[in-house]
Amino acid sequence: MEVTGKRRLRFGDFELEPTDRLLFRCGTPVALQPKPLALLVHLVTERHRVVLREELLTHVWPGVVVSDAALLSALRDLRRALGDEAHHARYIATHRGEGYRFAHPVEETFESDARDDTFVGREALVRALAQQLEAARAGRGQVAFLMGEPGIGKTRTSLAVATLAAQRGLRVFLGRCLEEE
């Protein structure tokens, strides 16, 4: 039987969608530059072995000659985003003189292609919030508050817009209010 659908790799509080190159922490998009994200995708995909430094340089910077400093910088940014430390690695283990290995257990899942992703009734709101994203990208800061009764789609709308923002390279912060008065 062929498994189809969006591939997701879960480790710790993180979820990685390697095809779309998206990283989430507890459901919230993590803003990560393209090179550290490419490094993460390759390390997680090749997690069953030590990946040589030369392979990482070739894979993350194809056709470009870069110094080891570029790899170390991308690795530092990646570790910072994961809350990882080289000395007490939970995610990325350094194998001195060899390379790196993704050290955390990974759960691989596939989201069915048959899933109904229809987002009914919020299209205009998502478009309006996407316009605010563009204004923020242009340097005009924006704040948006979604209010209403429980169960009307505030969280799903927030996550849809947060995903758009992360895809556009913006940092995303989501807040929630208590349901009480």
C-alpha atoms as a PDB file:
ATOM      1  CA  MET A   1       0.000   0.000   0.000  1.00  0.00           C
ATOM      2  CA  GLU A   2       1.368   3.410  -0.938  1.00  0.00           C
ATOM      3  CA  VAL A   3       1.343   6.062   1.748  1.00  0.00           C
ATOM      4  CA  THR A   4       0.376   9.458   0.413  1.00  0.00           C
ATOM      5  CA  GLY A   5      -0.132  12.828   1.996  1.00  0.00           C
ATOM      6  CA  LYS A   6       1.907  15.511   3.687  1.00  0.00           C
ATOM      7  CA  ARG A   7       4.895  14.066   5.529  1.00  0.00           C
ATOM      8  CA  ARG A   8       5.417  15.297   9.073  1.00  0.00           C
ATOM      9  CA  LEU A   9       8.330  14.601  11.358  1.00  0.00           C
ATOM     10  CA  ARG A  10       7.722  15.111  15.074  1.00  0.00           C
ATOM     11  CA  PHE A  11      10.427  15.392  17.726  1.00  0.00           C
ATOM     12  CA  GLY A  12      10.073  16.871  21.197  1.00  0.00           C
ATOM     13  CA  ASP A  13       7.808  19.934  21.005  1.00  0.00           C
ATOM     14  CA  PHE A  14       8.568  20.325  17.293  1.00  0.00           C
ATOM     15  CA  GLU A  15       6.894  19.307  14.073  1.00  0.00           C
ATOM     16  CA  LEU A  16       8.732  19.595  10.761  1.00  0.00           C
ATOM     17  CA  GLU A  17       7.089  19.567   7.345  1.00  0.00           C
ATOM     18  CA  PRO A  18      10.123  18.893   5.135  1.00  0.00           C
ATOM     19  CA  THR A  19       8.362  19.334   1.778  1.00  0.00           C
ATOM     20  CA  ASP A  20       6.979  22.775   2.667  1.00  0.00           C
ATOM     21  CA  ARG A  21      10.056  23.553   4.781  1.00  0.00           C
ATOM     22  CA  LEU A  22       8.012  24.590   7.792  1.00  0.00           C
ATOM     23  CA  LEU A  23       8.901  24.125  11.452  1.00  0.00           C
ATOM     24  CA  PHE A  24       6.384  24.411  14.279  1.00  0.00           C
ATOM     25  CA  ARG A  25       6.845  24.392  18.036  1.00  0.00           C
ATOM     26  CA  CYS A  26       3.713  23.404  19.941  1.00  0.00           C
ATOM     27  CA  GLY A  27       1.706  24.294  16.822  1.00  0.00           C
ATOM     28  CA  THR A  28       3.223  27.761  16.435  1.00  0.00           C
ATOM     29  CA  PRO A  29       5.412  28.452  13.382  1.00  0.00           C
ATOM     30  CA  VAL A  30       9.108  28.915  14.146  1.00  0.00           C
ATOM     31  CA  ALA A  31      10.817  31.647  12.126  1.00  0.00           C
ATOM     32  CA  LEU A  32      14.026  30.137  10.821  1.00  0.00           C
ATOM     33  CA  GLN A  33      16.239  31.326   7.984  1.00  0.00           C
ATOM     34  CA  PRO A  34      16.431  29.075   4.883  1.00  0.00           C
ATOM     35  CA  LYS A  35      19.948  27.667   5.489  1.00  0.00           C
ATOM     36  CA  PRO A  36      19.426  26.542   9.111  1.00  0.00           C
ATOM     37  CA  LEU A  37      16.064  25.100   8.044  1.00  0.00           C
ATOM     38  CA  ALA A  38      17.675  23.209   5.129  1.00  0.00           C
ATOM     39  CA  LEU A  39      20.284  21.936   7.575  1.00  0.00           C
ATOM     40  CA  LEU A  40      17.536  20.701   9.914  1.00  0.00           C
ATOM     41  CA  VAL A  41      15.614  18.997   7.106  1.00  0.00           C
ATOM     42  CA  HIS A  42      18.745  17.160   5.951  1.00  0.00           C
ATOM     43  CA  LEU A  43      19.813  16.119   9.446  1.00  0.00           C
ATOM     44  CA  VAL A  44      16.347  14.869  10.383  1.00  0.00           C
ATOM     45  CA  THR A  45      15.915  13.064   7.063  1.00  0.00           C
ATOM     46  CA  GLU A  46      19.329  11.388   7.477  1.00  0.00           C
ATOM     47  CA  ARG A  47      18.898  10.876  11.238  1.00  0.00           C
ATOM     48  CA  HIS A  48      20.009   7.236  11.209  1.00  0.00           C
ATOM     49  CA  ARG A  49      23.631   8.115  10.504  1.00  0.00           C
ATOM     50  CA  VAL A  50      26.349  10.672  11.081  1.00  0.00           C
ATOM     51  CA  VAL A  51      26.210  13.217   8.255  1.00  0.00           C
ATOM     52  CA  LEU A  52      29.643  14.353   7.158  1.00  0.00           C
ATOM     53  CA  ARG A  53      30.483  18.039   7.238  1.00  0.00           C
ATOM     54  CA  GLU A  54      31.283  17.994   3.495  1.00  0.00           C
ATOM     55  CA  GLU A  55      27.876  16.497   2.705  1.00  0.00           C
ATOM     56  CA  LEU A  56      26.112  19.205   4.688  1.00  0.00           C
ATOM     57  CA  LEU A  57      28.068  21.920   2.903  1.00  0.00           C
ATOM     58  CA  THR A  58      27.192  20.402  -0.480  1.00  0.00           C
ATOM     59  CA  HIS A  59      23.544  19.826   0.385  1.00  0.00           C
ATOM     60  CA  VAL A  60      22.767  23.124   2.128  1.00  0.00           C
ATOM     61  CA  TRP A  61      24.861  25.304  -0.200  1.00  0.00           C
ATOM     62  CA  PRO A  62      24.653  23.459  -3.548  1.00  0.00           C
ATOM     63  CA  GLY A  63      27.044  24.771  -6.182  1.00  0.00           C
ATOM     64  CA  VAL A  64      28.507  27.367  -3.824  1.00  0.00           C
ATOM     65  CA  VAL A  65      31.843  27.245  -2.069  1.00  0.00           C
ATOM     66  CA  VAL A  66      31.437  28.352   1.537  1.00  0.00           C
ATOM     67  CA  SER A  67      33.654  28.175   4.569  1.00  0.00           C
ATOM     68  CA  ASP A  68      33.116  26.046   7.634  1.00  0.00           C
ATOM     69  CA  ALA A  69      32.087  29.279   9.345  1.00  0.00           C
ATOM     70  CA  ALA A  70      28.876  29.335   7.277  1.00  0.00           C
ATOM     71  CA  LEU A  71      28.001  25.826   8.458  1.00  0.00           C
ATOM     72  CA  LEU A  72      28.820  26.689  12.069  1.00  0.00           C
ATOM     73  CA  SER A  73      26.711  29.851  11.852  1.00  0.00           C
ATOM     74  CA  ALA A  74      23.707  27.965  10.424  1.00  0.00           C
ATOM     75  CA  LEU A  75      24.173  25.264  13.050  1.00  0.00           C
ATOM     76  CA  ARG A  76      24.312  27.876  15.835  1.00  0.00           C
ATOM     77  CA  ASP A  77      21.086  29.514  14.582  1.00  0.00           C
ATOM     78  CA  LEU A  78      19.399  26.110  14.313  1.00  0.00           C
ATOM     79  CA  ARG A  79      20.430  25.084  17.810  1.00  0.00           C
ATOM     80  CA  ARG A  80      19.202  28.411  19.164  1.00  0.00           C
ATOM     81  CA  ALA A  81      15.791  27.909  17.507  1.00  0.00           C
ATOM     82  CA  LEU A  82      15.539  24.390  18.938  1.00  0.00           C
ATOM     83  CA  GLY A  83      16.752  25.438  22.397  1.00  0.00           C
ATOM     84  CA  ASP A  84      19.615  22.974  21.978  1.00  0.00           C
ATOM     85  CA  GLU A  85      23.188  23.217  23.247  1.00  0.00           C
ATOM     86  CA  ALA A  86      26.288  21.641  21.734  1.00  0.00           C
ATOM     87  CA  HIS A  87      27.523  20.537  25.188  1.00  0.00           C
ATOM     88  CA  HIS A  88      24.232  18.883  26.203  1.00  0.00           C
ATOM     89  CA  ALA A  89      22.741  18.069  22.796  1.00  0.00           C
ATOM     90  CA  ARG A  90      19.158  16.885  22.801  1.00  0.00           C
ATOM     91  CA  TYR A  91      18.692  17.289  19.061  1.00  0.00           C
ATOM     92  CA  ILE A  92      21.970  17.726  17.182  1.00  0.00           C
ATOM     93  CA  ALA A  93      24.958  15.668  18.297  1.00  0.00           C
ATOM     94  CA  THR A  94      28.438  16.671  17.189  1.00  0.00           C
ATOM     95  CA  HIS A  95      30.762  13.829  16.209  1.00  0.00           C
ATOM     96  CA  ARG A  96      34.184  15.486  16.385  1.00  0.00           C
ATOM     97  CA  GLY A  97      36.184  15.116  13.200  1.00  0.00           C
ATOM     98  CA  GLU A  98      33.241  13.493  11.375  1.00  0.00           C
ATOM     99  CA  GLY A  99      30.034  15.500  11.265  1.00  0.00           C
ATOM    100  CA  TYR A 100      26.642  15.719  12.922  1.00  0.00           C
ATOM    101  CA  ARG A 101      23.737  13.431  13.709  1.00  0.00           C
ATOM    102  CA  PHE A 102      20.151  14.188  14.646  1.00  0.00           C
ATOM    103  CA  ALA A 103      19.974  12.553  18.068  1.00  0.00           C
ATOM    104  CA  HIS A 104      16.341  12.899  19.157  1.00  0.00           C
ATOM    105  CA  PRO A 105      13.729  10.210  18.418  1.00  0.00           C
ATOM    106  CA  VAL A 106      11.515  11.180  15.474  1.00  0.00           C
ATOM    107  CA  GLU A 107       7.929  10.130  14.793  1.00  0.00           C
ATOM    108  CA  GLU A 108       7.069  10.154  11.107  1.00  0.00           C
ATOM    109  CA  THR A 109       3.434  10.618  10.113  1.00  0.00           C
ATOM    110  CA  PHE A 110       1.515  11.344   6.951  1.00  0.00           C
ATOM    111  CA  GLU A 111      -1.476  13.631   6.793  1.00  0.00           C
ATOM    112  CA  SER A 112      -3.999  12.075   4.434  1.00  0.00           C
ATOM    113  CA  ASP A 113      -4.505  13.771   1.075  1.00  0.00           C
ATOM    114  CA  ALA A 114      -8.201  13.075   1.552  1.00  0.00           C
ATOM    115  CA  ARG A 115      -8.436  15.391   4.562  1.00  0.00           C
ATOM    116  CA  ASP A 116     -10.953  18.149   4.106  1.00  0.00           C
ATOM    117  CA  ASP A 117      -9.012  21.387   4.499  1.00  0.00           C
ATOM    118  CA  THR A 118     -11.927  23.568   3.490  1.00  0.00           C
ATOM    119  CA  PHE A 119     -11.869  26.751   5.483  1.00  0.00           C
ATOM    120  CA  VAL A 120     -15.431  28.002   5.216  1.00  0.00           C
ATOM    121  CA  GLY A 121     -16.557  31.408   6.396  1.00  0.00           C
ATOM    122  CA  ARG A 122     -13.171  32.954   7.176  1.00  0.00           C
ATOM    123  CA  GLU A 123     -11.799  33.674   3.685  1.00  0.00           C
ATOM    124  CA  ALA A 124     -12.432  37.443   3.877  1.00  0.00           C
ATOM    125  CA  LEU A 125     -10.899  37.616   7.370  1.00  0.00           C
ATOM    126  CA  VAL A 126      -7.792  35.679   6.273  1.00  0.00           C
ATOM    127  CA  ARG A 127      -7.441  37.985   3.230  1.00  0.00           C
ATOM    128  CA  ALA A 128      -7.692  41.065   5.467  1.00  0.00           C
ATOM    129  CA  LEU A 129      -5.112  39.660   7.874  1.00  0.00           C
ATOM    130  CA  ALA A 130      -2.848  38.757   4.940  1.00  0.00           C
ATOM    131  CA  GLN A 131      -2.994  42.430   3.912  1.00  0.00           C
ATOM    132  CA  GLN A 132      -1.866  43.343   7.432  1.00  0.00           C
ATOM    133  CA  LEU A 133       1.027  40.891   7.015  1.00  0.00           C
ATOM    134  CA  GLU A 134       2.094  42.694   3.856  1.00  0.00           C
ATOM    135  CA  ALA A 135       1.885  46.039   5.646  1.00  0.00           C
ATOM    136  CA  ALA A 136       4.084  44.619   8.427  1.00  0.00           C
ATOM    137  CA  ARG A 137       6.597  43.356   5.847  1.00  0.00           C
ATOM    138  CA  ALA A 138       6.680  46.885   4.410  1.00  0.00           C
ATOM    139  CA  GLY A 139       7.650  48.274   7.822  1.00  0.00           C
ATOM    140  CA  ARG A 140       4.232  49.346   9.033  1.00  0.00           C
ATOM    141  CA  GLY A 141       3.755  47.352  12.245  1.00  0.00           C
ATOM    142  CA  GLN A 142       0.444  45.678  12.776  1.00  0.00           C
ATOM    143  CA  VAL A 143      -1.482  44.101  15.646  1.00  0.00           C
ATOM    144  CA  ALA A 144      -4.564  41.936  15.215  1.00  0.00           C
ATOM    145  CA  PHE A 145      -6.989  40.690  17.842  1.00  0.00           C
ATOM    146  CA  LEU A 146      -9.468  37.915  17.108  1.00  0.00           C
ATOM    147  CA  MET A 147     -12.363  37.905  19.540  1.00  0.00           C
ATOM    148  CA  GLY A 148     -15.523  35.903  19.891  1.00  0.00           C
ATOM    149  CA  GLU A 149     -17.233  32.966  21.473  1.00  0.00           C
ATOM    150  CA  PRO A 150     -15.372  29.678  21.970  1.00  0.00           C
ATOM    151  CA  GLY A 151     -15.457  27.349  18.989  1.00  0.00           C
ATOM    152  CA  ILE A 152     -15.935  29.915  16.203  1.00  0.00           C
ATOM    153  CA  GLY A 153     -12.502  29.362  14.629  1.00  0.00           C
ATOM    154  CA  LYS A 154     -10.226  31.955  16.229  1.00  0.00           C
ATOM    155  CA  THR A 155      -7.372  29.484  16.780  1.00  0.00           C
ATOM    156  CA  ARG A 156      -7.660  27.969  13.309  1.00  0.00           C
ATOM    157  CA  THR A 157      -7.738  31.436  11.745  1.00  0.00           C
ATOM    158  CA  SER A 158      -4.697  32.484  13.813  1.00  0.00           C
ATOM    159  CA  LEU A 159      -2.761  29.395  12.765  1.00  0.00           C
ATOM    160  CA  ALA A 160      -3.676  29.875   9.102  1.00  0.00           C
ATOM    161  CA  VAL A 161      -2.395  33.462   9.188  1.00  0.00           C
ATOM    162  CA  ALA A 162       0.657  32.483  11.268  1.00  0.00           C
ATOM    163  CA  THR A 163       1.533  29.867   8.646  1.00  0.00           C
ATOM    164  CA  LEU A 164       1.251  32.500   5.906  1.00  0.00           C
ATOM    165  CA  ALA A 165       3.494  34.808   7.915  1.00  0.00           C
ATOM    166  CA  ALA A 166       6.125  32.118   8.526  1.00  0.00           C
ATOM    167  CA  GLN A 167       6.121  31.232   4.823  1.00  0.00           C
ATOM    168  CA  ARG A 168       6.852  34.908   4.116  1.00  0.00           C
ATOM    169  CA  GLY A 169       9.763  34.947   6.559  1.00  0.00           C
ATOM    170  CA  LEU A 170       8.059  36.909   9.328  1.00  0.00           C
ATOM    171  CA  ARG A 171       8.403  36.177  13.042  1.00  0.00           C
ATOM    172  CA  VAL A 172       5.123  35.104  14.574  1.00  0.00           C
ATOM    173  CA  PHE A 173       3.868  35.605  18.117  1.00  0.00           C
ATOM    174  CA  LEU A 174       0.477  34.252  19.124  1.00  0.00           C
ATOM    175  CA  GLY A 175      -1.188  35.095  22.409  1.00  0.00           C
ATOM    176  CA  ARG A 176      -4.264  33.714  24.076  1.00  0.00           C
ATOM    177  CA  CYS A 177      -6.584  35.167  26.666  1.00  0.00           C
ATOM    178  CA  LEU A 178      -8.267  33.401  29.500  1.00  0.00           C
ATOM    179  CA  GLU A 179     -11.875  32.453  28.826  1.00  0.00           C
ATOM    180  CA  GLU A 180     -12.952  33.965  32.153  1.00  0.00           C
ATOM    181  CA  GLU A 181     -14.098  37.539  32.693  1.00  0.00           C
END
